[in-house]
Amino acid sequence: MDETLHQLAGLLIGAVPTIVLFLIFVIFYRFVVYGPLMRVLDRRRERTEGAIEQAQAAIAAAEAKTQEYEARLRAARAEIFGARQQKLHVWNREREAAIAEAQQAANRRIAEGKSALQAESEAARRRVQAAADDLAERVLRAILPSGASPLGSAH
C-alpha cells in the first residue's frame, strides 16, 4: 500500500504543473474571453430590454392615440347624427306645414265650391219655381175661361 501511496504522490507531483497551467488557463480565459463576452452579452441584453421597453412604450402611445382617434371619431359621428336628426326634424316640420297649408287651401276651395254650388242650386230652384209658377198659370189660363182669374184677384 505504501507503494501505491508513493506512486500516487508521484502522480500528484507530476500533475502540479498541469494543475497550475490549468488554473492559469482558467484565469486567462476568465479575463480575456469570459469577462468581455459577459460584458457584450450584458450590453446586448440591456439594449434588447431597452428596445423592448421602447417598443412597449411605442405600443402604449399608439394605443392611446388609437383611443383618442376613436373617441374623436365617435364624437364626429355623434355630431353628424345630431345634425342629421336636426335636419330631418326641420324637414318634417316644413313638410307638415306644407301639408297643413295644402289642407287649408283645399278646405277653402271646398267651402268656396260648396257656397258656389249652394248659390247655383238656389238660383236654379228659383228659376224652376218661377218656371213652374209660369207654367201653372199658363195651364190654368188654358183650362179656365178667359174671364176668371186663375189665382184669385191677387194677381
N, C-alpha and C. Protein backbone atom coordinates (compact mmCIF):
# COMPACT_ATOMS: atom_id res chain seq x y z
N MET A 1 0.81 -1.17 0.00
CA MET A 1 0.00 0.00 0.00
C MET A 1 0.87 1.25 0.00
N ASP A 2 1.94 1.12 0.60
CA ASP A 2 2.89 2.20 0.66
C ASP A 2 3.35 2.57 -0.75
N GLU A 3 3.51 1.54 -1.48
CA GLU A 3 3.94 1.79 -2.85
C GLU A 3 2.86 2.51 -3.65
N THR A 4 1.63 2.20 -3.41
CA THR A 4 0.51 2.84 -4.09
C THR A 4 0.46 4.31 -3.70
N LEU A 5 0.70 4.58 -2.42
CA LEU A 5 0.68 5.97 -1.98
C LEU A 5 1.88 6.70 -2.57
N HIS A 6 3.01 6.02 -2.64
CA HIS A 6 4.19 6.64 -3.22
C HIS A 6 3.94 6.95 -4.71
N GLN A 7 3.32 6.04 -5.42
CA GLN A 7 3.01 6.26 -6.82
C GLN A 7 1.98 7.40 -6.96
N LEU A 8 1.03 7.43 -6.07
CA LEU A 8 0.00 8.47 -6.09
C LEU A 8 0.63 9.82 -5.82
N ALA A 9 1.60 9.90 -4.90
CA ALA A 9 2.30 11.14 -4.60
C ALA A 9 3.10 11.57 -5.81
N GLY A 10 3.70 10.64 -6.50
CA GLY A 10 4.46 10.96 -7.71
C GLY A 10 3.55 11.50 -8.80
N LEU A 11 2.41 10.87 -8.93
CA LEU A 11 1.43 11.35 -9.91
C LEU A 11 0.94 12.75 -9.54
N LEU A 12 0.74 12.97 -8.27
CA LEU A 12 0.26 14.26 -7.81
C LEU A 12 1.32 15.33 -8.06
N ILE A 13 2.57 15.01 -7.79
CA ILE A 13 3.64 15.97 -8.02
C ILE A 13 3.79 16.22 -9.52
N GLY A 14 3.61 15.20 -10.33
CA GLY A 14 3.68 15.36 -11.78
C GLY A 14 2.48 16.15 -12.31
N ALA A 15 1.37 16.09 -11.60
CA ALA A 15 0.15 16.79 -12.04
C ALA A 15 0.12 18.23 -11.60
N VAL A 16 1.02 18.64 -10.69
CA VAL A 16 1.03 20.01 -10.19
C VAL A 16 1.27 21.00 -11.33
N PRO A 17 2.25 20.80 -12.19
CA PRO A 17 2.40 21.77 -13.27
C PRO A 17 1.15 21.83 -14.17
N THR A 18 0.51 20.67 -14.38
CA THR A 18 -0.71 20.65 -15.20
C THR A 18 -1.82 21.43 -14.49
N ILE A 19 -1.96 21.25 -13.20
CA ILE A 19 -2.98 21.96 -12.42
C ILE A 19 -2.70 23.44 -12.44
N VAL A 20 -1.41 23.82 -12.25
CA VAL A 20 -1.05 25.23 -12.27
C VAL A 20 -1.33 25.81 -13.65
N LEU A 21 -0.94 25.06 -14.67
CA LEU A 21 -1.19 25.52 -16.04
C LEU A 21 -2.69 25.65 -16.30
N PHE A 22 -3.48 24.66 -15.80
CA PHE A 22 -4.93 24.72 -15.95
C PHE A 22 -5.51 25.93 -15.24
N LEU A 23 -5.04 26.23 -14.02
CA LEU A 23 -5.53 27.39 -13.27
C LEU A 23 -5.16 28.69 -13.99
N ILE A 24 -3.94 28.75 -14.54
CA ILE A 24 -3.53 29.94 -15.30
C ILE A 24 -4.44 30.09 -16.54
N PHE A 25 -4.68 28.96 -17.20
CA PHE A 25 -5.54 28.99 -18.37
C PHE A 25 -6.96 29.45 -18.01
N VAL A 26 -7.51 28.98 -16.88
CA VAL A 26 -8.85 29.37 -16.44
C VAL A 26 -8.88 30.86 -16.12
N ILE A 27 -7.84 31.35 -15.42
CA ILE A 27 -7.77 32.77 -15.08
C ILE A 27 -7.64 33.60 -16.35
N PHE A 28 -6.78 33.15 -17.27
CA PHE A 28 -6.61 33.84 -18.54
C PHE A 28 -7.93 33.86 -19.30
N TYR A 29 -8.58 32.68 -19.37
CA TYR A 29 -9.88 32.59 -20.04
C TYR A 29 -10.88 33.53 -19.40
N ARG A 30 -10.89 33.59 -18.08
CA ARG A 30 -11.84 34.43 -17.34
C ARG A 30 -11.65 35.90 -17.70
N PHE A 31 -10.41 36.37 -17.78
CA PHE A 31 -10.16 37.78 -18.05
C PHE A 31 -10.19 38.12 -19.54
N VAL A 32 -9.70 37.24 -20.36
CA VAL A 32 -9.57 37.56 -21.77
C VAL A 32 -10.85 37.24 -22.55
N VAL A 33 -11.52 36.14 -22.28
CA VAL A 33 -12.66 35.72 -23.09
C VAL A 33 -13.98 35.90 -22.33
N TYR A 34 -14.08 35.29 -21.17
CA TYR A 34 -15.35 35.23 -20.46
C TYR A 34 -15.82 36.62 -20.02
N GLY A 35 -14.93 37.44 -19.44
CA GLY A 35 -15.30 38.77 -18.95
C GLY A 35 -15.82 39.66 -20.07
N PRO A 36 -15.07 39.84 -21.17
CA PRO A 36 -15.57 40.66 -22.27
C PRO A 36 -16.84 40.07 -22.89
N LEU A 37 -16.90 38.76 -22.98
CA LEU A 37 -18.10 38.13 -23.54
C LEU A 37 -19.32 38.43 -22.68
N MET A 38 -19.17 38.36 -21.38
CA MET A 38 -20.29 38.65 -20.48
C MET A 38 -20.68 40.13 -20.56
N ARG A 39 -19.68 41.01 -20.69
CA ARG A 39 -19.99 42.44 -20.83
C ARG A 39 -20.78 42.69 -22.13
N VAL A 40 -20.32 42.06 -23.22
CA VAL A 40 -21.03 42.21 -24.51
C VAL A 40 -22.44 41.65 -24.39
N LEU A 41 -22.58 40.50 -23.78
CA LEU A 41 -23.91 39.91 -23.61
C LEU A 41 -24.80 40.76 -22.71
N ASP A 42 -24.21 41.35 -21.64
CA ASP A 42 -24.98 42.23 -20.77
C ASP A 42 -25.45 43.47 -21.52
N ARG A 43 -24.52 44.07 -22.30
CA ARG A 43 -24.92 45.25 -23.09
C ARG A 43 -26.00 44.88 -24.10
N ARG A 44 -25.81 43.73 -24.70
CA ARG A 44 -26.81 43.28 -25.68
C ARG A 44 -28.15 43.06 -25.01
N ARG A 45 -28.17 42.46 -23.84
CA ARG A 45 -29.40 42.24 -23.09
C ARG A 45 -30.04 43.57 -22.71
N GLU A 46 -29.20 44.53 -22.27
CA GLU A 46 -29.72 45.87 -21.92
C GLU A 46 -30.33 46.54 -23.14
N ARG A 47 -29.61 46.43 -24.26
CA ARG A 47 -30.16 47.04 -25.48
C ARG A 47 -31.45 46.35 -25.90
N THR A 48 -31.48 45.06 -25.80
CA THR A 48 -32.69 44.31 -26.17
C THR A 48 -33.84 44.68 -25.24
N GLU A 49 -33.54 44.71 -23.94
CA GLU A 49 -34.58 45.09 -22.99
C GLU A 49 -34.99 46.54 -23.20
N GLY A 50 -34.00 47.39 -23.50
CA GLY A 50 -34.32 48.80 -23.80
C GLY A 50 -35.19 48.91 -25.04
N ALA A 51 -34.85 48.12 -26.06
CA ALA A 51 -35.66 48.12 -27.29
C ALA A 51 -37.06 47.60 -27.01
N ILE A 52 -37.14 46.57 -26.16
CA ILE A 52 -38.46 46.03 -25.81
C ILE A 52 -39.25 47.07 -25.03
N GLU A 53 -38.60 47.75 -24.09
CA GLU A 53 -39.29 48.79 -23.33
C GLU A 53 -39.72 49.92 -24.25
N GLN A 54 -38.85 50.30 -25.19
CA GLN A 54 -39.22 51.35 -26.14
C GLN A 54 -40.38 50.89 -27.01
N ALA A 55 -40.34 49.63 -27.44
CA ALA A 55 -41.43 49.11 -28.25
C ALA A 55 -42.73 49.08 -27.45
N GLN A 56 -42.64 48.69 -26.18
CA GLN A 56 -43.85 48.68 -25.35
C GLN A 56 -44.37 50.10 -25.14
N ALA A 57 -43.44 51.06 -24.96
CA ALA A 57 -43.86 52.45 -24.82
C ALA A 57 -44.50 52.94 -26.12
N ALA A 58 -43.91 52.56 -27.25
CA ALA A 58 -44.49 52.96 -28.55
C ALA A 58 -45.86 52.33 -28.75
N ILE A 59 -46.00 51.07 -28.33
CA ILE A 59 -47.29 50.40 -28.44
C ILE A 59 -48.32 51.09 -27.54
N ALA A 60 -47.91 51.44 -26.33
CA ALA A 60 -48.83 52.13 -25.41
C ALA A 60 -49.22 53.49 -25.98
N ALA A 61 -48.24 54.20 -26.56
CA ALA A 61 -48.55 55.51 -27.17
C ALA A 61 -49.49 55.33 -28.36
N ALA A 62 -49.24 54.30 -29.17
CA ALA A 62 -50.11 54.03 -30.32
C ALA A 62 -51.51 53.68 -29.86
N GLU A 63 -51.62 52.89 -28.80
CA GLU A 63 -52.95 52.55 -28.27
C GLU A 63 -53.66 53.79 -27.74
N ALA A 64 -52.90 54.67 -27.08
CA ALA A 64 -53.50 55.91 -26.58
C ALA A 64 -53.98 56.76 -27.75
N LYS A 65 -53.15 56.86 -28.80
CA LYS A 65 -53.56 57.63 -29.99
C LYS A 65 -54.79 56.99 -30.63
N THR A 66 -54.79 55.66 -30.70
CA THR A 66 -55.93 54.96 -31.29
C THR A 66 -57.20 55.25 -30.50
N GLN A 67 -57.10 55.20 -29.18
CA GLN A 67 -58.27 55.50 -28.35
C GLN A 67 -58.71 56.95 -28.55
N GLU A 68 -57.73 57.85 -28.67
CA GLU A 68 -58.06 59.26 -28.89
C GLU A 68 -58.76 59.43 -30.24
N TYR A 69 -58.23 58.79 -31.28
CA TYR A 69 -58.85 58.88 -32.60
C TYR A 69 -60.23 58.26 -32.60
N GLU A 70 -60.38 57.13 -31.90
CA GLU A 70 -61.69 56.50 -31.82
C GLU A 70 -62.68 57.40 -31.09
N ALA A 71 -62.22 58.06 -30.05
CA ALA A 71 -63.10 58.99 -29.32
C ALA A 71 -63.49 60.16 -30.22
N ARG A 72 -62.52 60.68 -30.96
CA ARG A 72 -62.84 61.77 -31.90
C ARG A 72 -63.80 61.29 -32.97
N LEU A 73 -63.58 60.08 -33.46
CA LEU A 73 -64.46 59.53 -34.49
C LEU A 73 -65.88 59.35 -33.95
N ARG A 74 -65.99 58.83 -32.72
CA ARG A 74 -67.32 58.69 -32.10
C ARG A 74 -67.99 60.05 -31.94
N ALA A 75 -67.20 61.06 -31.51
CA ALA A 75 -67.76 62.40 -31.33
C ALA A 75 -68.21 62.97 -32.67
N ALA A 76 -67.40 62.77 -33.71
CA ALA A 76 -67.76 63.27 -35.03
C ALA A 76 -69.01 62.57 -35.55
N ARG A 77 -69.08 61.25 -35.34
CA ARG A 77 -70.28 60.51 -35.76
C ARG A 77 -71.51 61.00 -35.01
N ALA A 78 -71.35 61.24 -33.71
CA ALA A 78 -72.48 61.73 -32.92
C ALA A 78 -72.92 63.11 -33.39
N GLU A 79 -71.93 63.94 -33.72
CA GLU A 79 -72.25 65.29 -34.21
C GLU A 79 -72.98 65.21 -35.55
N ILE A 80 -72.48 64.35 -36.44
CA ILE A 80 -73.13 64.18 -37.74
C ILE A 80 -74.53 63.63 -37.56
N PHE A 81 -74.69 62.67 -36.67
CA PHE A 81 -76.00 62.09 -36.42
C PHE A 81 -76.95 63.15 -35.86
N GLY A 82 -76.44 63.98 -34.93
CA GLY A 82 -77.27 65.05 -34.36
C GLY A 82 -77.69 66.05 -35.43
N ALA A 83 -76.74 66.44 -36.29
CA ALA A 83 -77.07 67.38 -37.37
C ALA A 83 -78.09 66.76 -38.32
N ARG A 84 -77.91 65.47 -38.61
CA ARG A 84 -78.86 64.78 -39.50
C ARG A 84 -80.24 64.74 -38.87
N GLN A 85 -80.30 64.42 -37.58
CA GLN A 85 -81.59 64.38 -36.89
C GLN A 85 -82.25 65.76 -36.89
N GLN A 86 -81.43 66.79 -36.68
CA GLN A 86 -81.96 68.15 -36.67
C GLN A 86 -82.51 68.51 -38.05
N LYS A 87 -81.77 68.17 -39.12
CA LYS A 87 -82.26 68.45 -40.47
C LYS A 87 -83.54 67.68 -40.75
N LEU A 88 -83.58 66.41 -40.33
CA LEU A 88 -84.80 65.64 -40.54
C LEU A 88 -85.98 66.26 -39.79
N HIS A 89 -85.69 66.74 -38.59
CA HIS A 89 -86.75 67.39 -37.80
C HIS A 89 -87.25 68.64 -38.53
N VAL A 90 -86.32 69.45 -39.03
CA VAL A 90 -86.69 70.68 -39.76
C VAL A 90 -87.48 70.31 -41.01
N TRP A 91 -86.98 69.31 -41.75
CA TRP A 91 -87.68 68.91 -42.98
C TRP A 91 -89.08 68.37 -42.66
N ASN A 92 -89.20 67.63 -41.57
CA ASN A 92 -90.52 67.12 -41.19
C ASN A 92 -91.47 68.27 -40.83
N ARG A 93 -90.95 69.26 -40.09
CA ARG A 93 -91.80 70.41 -39.76
C ARG A 93 -92.22 71.16 -41.02
N GLU A 94 -91.27 71.35 -41.95
CA GLU A 94 -91.60 72.04 -43.20
C GLU A 94 -92.63 71.25 -44.00
N ARG A 95 -92.45 69.92 -44.04
CA ARG A 95 -93.40 69.08 -44.77
C ARG A 95 -94.79 69.16 -44.12
N GLU A 96 -94.82 69.08 -42.78
CA GLU A 96 -96.10 69.16 -42.08
C GLU A 96 -96.76 70.51 -42.30
N ALA A 97 -95.95 71.58 -42.31
CA ALA A 97 -96.50 72.92 -42.56
C ALA A 97 -97.06 73.00 -43.98
N ALA A 98 -96.34 72.43 -44.96
CA ALA A 98 -96.82 72.44 -46.34
C ALA A 98 -98.10 71.63 -46.47
N ILE A 99 -98.16 70.49 -45.79
CA ILE A 99 -99.37 69.66 -45.82
C ILE A 99 -100.53 70.41 -45.18
N ALA A 100 -100.27 71.06 -44.04
CA ALA A 100 -101.35 71.82 -43.37
C ALA A 100 -101.82 72.96 -44.26
N GLU A 101 -100.89 73.64 -44.92
CA GLU A 101 -101.27 74.74 -45.82
C GLU A 101 -102.08 74.21 -47.00
N ALA A 102 -101.66 73.06 -47.53
CA ALA A 102 -102.40 72.47 -48.65
C ALA A 102 -103.79 72.04 -48.20
N GLN A 103 -103.90 71.51 -46.98
CA GLN A 103 -105.22 71.12 -46.47
C GLN A 103 -106.11 72.35 -46.27
N GLN A 104 -105.51 73.43 -45.74
CA GLN A 104 -106.30 74.65 -45.57
C GLN A 104 -106.77 75.19 -46.92
N ALA A 105 -105.87 75.18 -47.91
CA ALA A 105 -106.25 75.65 -49.24
C ALA A 105 -107.35 74.76 -49.82
N ALA A 106 -107.21 73.45 -49.63
CA ALA A 106 -108.23 72.52 -50.13
C ALA A 106 -109.56 72.76 -49.41
N ASN A 107 -109.51 72.96 -48.10
CA ASN A 107 -110.74 73.23 -47.35
C ASN A 107 -111.39 74.53 -47.80
N ARG A 108 -110.55 75.57 -48.09
CA ARG A 108 -111.12 76.83 -48.60
C ARG A 108 -111.79 76.60 -49.96
N ARG A 109 -111.13 75.85 -50.83
CA ARG A 109 -111.71 75.58 -52.15
C ARG A 109 -113.00 74.79 -52.01
N ILE A 110 -113.00 73.83 -51.09
CA ILE A 110 -114.22 73.05 -50.86
C ILE A 110 -115.33 73.95 -50.36
N ALA A 111 -115.00 74.84 -49.41
CA ALA A 111 -116.02 75.75 -48.87
C ALA A 111 -116.52 76.69 -49.96
N GLU A 112 -115.57 77.22 -50.77
CA GLU A 112 -115.99 78.10 -51.87
C GLU A 112 -116.85 77.34 -52.87
N GLY A 113 -116.46 76.10 -53.18
CA GLY A 113 -117.23 75.28 -54.11
C GLY A 113 -118.62 74.99 -53.57
N LYS A 114 -118.68 74.70 -52.25
CA LYS A 114 -119.98 74.43 -51.63
C LYS A 114 -120.88 75.66 -51.70
N SER A 115 -120.29 76.83 -51.36
CA SER A 115 -121.12 78.03 -51.38
C SER A 115 -121.53 78.38 -52.80
N ALA A 116 -120.62 78.18 -53.77
CA ALA A 116 -120.99 78.44 -55.18
C ALA A 116 -122.06 77.47 -55.63
N LEU A 117 -121.90 76.19 -55.24
CA LEU A 117 -122.88 75.18 -55.60
C LEU A 117 -124.23 75.49 -54.94
N GLN A 118 -124.21 75.95 -53.70
CA GLN A 118 -125.44 76.31 -53.00
C GLN A 118 -126.12 77.50 -53.69
N ALA A 119 -125.29 78.48 -54.06
CA ALA A 119 -125.86 79.65 -54.75
C ALA A 119 -126.46 79.24 -56.08
N GLU A 120 -125.74 78.41 -56.84
CA GLU A 120 -126.28 77.96 -58.13
C GLU A 120 -127.53 77.12 -57.91
N SER A 121 -127.49 76.28 -56.87
CA SER A 121 -128.65 75.45 -56.58
C SER A 121 -129.86 76.32 -56.22
N GLU A 122 -129.64 77.35 -55.42
CA GLU A 122 -130.73 78.26 -55.03
C GLU A 122 -131.27 79.01 -56.25
N ALA A 123 -130.34 79.47 -57.10
CA ALA A 123 -130.78 80.18 -58.31
C ALA A 123 -131.57 79.24 -59.22
N ALA A 124 -131.09 78.00 -59.36
CA ALA A 124 -131.81 77.05 -60.20
C ALA A 124 -133.17 76.73 -59.59
N ARG A 125 -133.24 76.62 -58.27
CA ARG A 125 -134.52 76.35 -57.61
C ARG A 125 -135.50 77.50 -57.88
N ARG A 126 -134.98 78.75 -57.79
CA ARG A 126 -135.86 79.90 -58.06
C ARG A 126 -136.34 79.91 -59.51
N ARG A 127 -135.42 79.58 -60.43
CA ARG A 127 -135.81 79.53 -61.85
C ARG A 127 -136.85 78.45 -62.09
N VAL A 128 -136.59 77.28 -61.45
CA VAL A 128 -137.55 76.18 -61.61
C VAL A 128 -138.89 76.58 -61.00
N GLN A 129 -138.81 77.23 -59.83
CA GLN A 129 -140.05 77.65 -59.17
C GLN A 129 -140.78 78.69 -60.04
N ALA A 130 -140.04 79.64 -60.59
CA ALA A 130 -140.65 80.67 -61.45
C ALA A 130 -141.23 80.02 -62.69
N ALA A 131 -140.47 79.09 -63.27
CA ALA A 131 -140.96 78.41 -64.47
C ALA A 131 -142.19 77.58 -64.13
N ALA A 132 -142.19 76.94 -62.95
CA ALA A 132 -143.34 76.13 -62.54
C ALA A 132 -144.55 77.03 -62.33
N ASP A 133 -144.34 78.18 -61.71
CA ASP A 133 -145.45 79.12 -61.49
C ASP A 133 -145.99 79.60 -62.84
N ASP A 134 -145.07 79.94 -63.73
CA ASP A 134 -145.48 80.43 -65.06
C ASP A 134 -146.22 79.34 -65.81
N LEU A 135 -145.72 78.14 -65.74
CA LEU A 135 -146.36 77.02 -66.43
C LEU A 135 -147.73 76.74 -65.82
N ALA A 136 -147.83 76.81 -64.49
CA ALA A 136 -149.10 76.56 -63.83
C ALA A 136 -150.11 77.62 -64.25
N GLU A 137 -149.66 78.86 -64.33
CA GLU A 137 -150.55 79.94 -64.74
C GLU A 137 -151.02 79.73 -66.18
N ARG A 138 -150.14 79.32 -67.05
CA ARG A 138 -150.50 79.06 -68.45
C ARG A 138 -151.50 77.91 -68.55
N VAL A 139 -151.24 76.88 -67.77
CA VAL A 139 -152.14 75.72 -67.80
C VAL A 139 -153.52 76.15 -67.29
N LEU A 140 -153.54 76.94 -66.25
CA LEU A 140 -154.81 77.39 -65.71
C LEU A 140 -155.54 78.30 -66.71
N ARG A 141 -154.82 79.14 -67.39
CA ARG A 141 -155.44 80.02 -68.38
C ARG A 141 -156.00 79.21 -69.53
N ALA A 142 -155.27 78.18 -69.85
CA ALA A 142 -155.73 77.38 -70.98
C ALA A 142 -156.97 76.57 -70.58
N ILE A 143 -157.04 76.17 -69.32
CA ILE A 143 -158.15 75.35 -68.90
C ILE A 143 -159.33 76.21 -68.47
N LEU A 144 -159.13 77.27 -67.78
CA LEU A 144 -160.21 78.09 -67.25
C LEU A 144 -160.67 79.10 -68.30
N PRO A 145 -161.92 79.52 -68.17
CA PRO A 145 -162.41 80.53 -69.11
C PRO A 145 -161.64 81.83 -68.96
N SER A 146 -161.64 82.63 -69.95
CA SER A 146 -160.80 83.81 -70.02
C SER A 146 -161.22 84.88 -69.02
N GLY A 147 -162.39 84.93 -68.51
CA GLY A 147 -162.79 85.98 -67.59
C GLY A 147 -162.43 85.67 -66.15
N ALA A 148 -162.21 84.45 -65.80
CA ALA A 148 -161.92 84.10 -64.41
C ALA A 148 -160.42 84.26 -64.14
N SER A 149 -160.16 84.69 -62.98
CA SER A 149 -158.74 84.90 -62.58
C SER A 149 -158.22 83.55 -62.07
N PRO A 150 -157.12 83.13 -62.56
CA PRO A 150 -156.63 81.79 -62.20
C PRO A 150 -156.24 81.70 -60.73
N LEU A 151 -155.63 82.68 -60.15
CA LEU A 151 -155.18 82.58 -58.79
C LEU A 151 -155.92 83.58 -57.88
N GLY A 152 -157.04 83.90 -58.24
CA GLY A 152 -157.83 84.84 -57.47
C GLY A 152 -157.54 86.23 -57.96
N SER A 153 -157.88 87.22 -57.21
CA SER A 153 -157.71 88.59 -57.63
C SER A 153 -156.40 89.17 -57.16
N ALA A 154 -155.53 88.42 -56.63
CA ALA A 154 -154.29 88.93 -56.15
C ALA A 154 -153.32 89.14 -57.30
N HIS A 155 -153.46 88.49 -58.38
CA HIS A 155 -152.51 88.55 -59.47
C HIS A 155 -152.88 89.45 -60.52
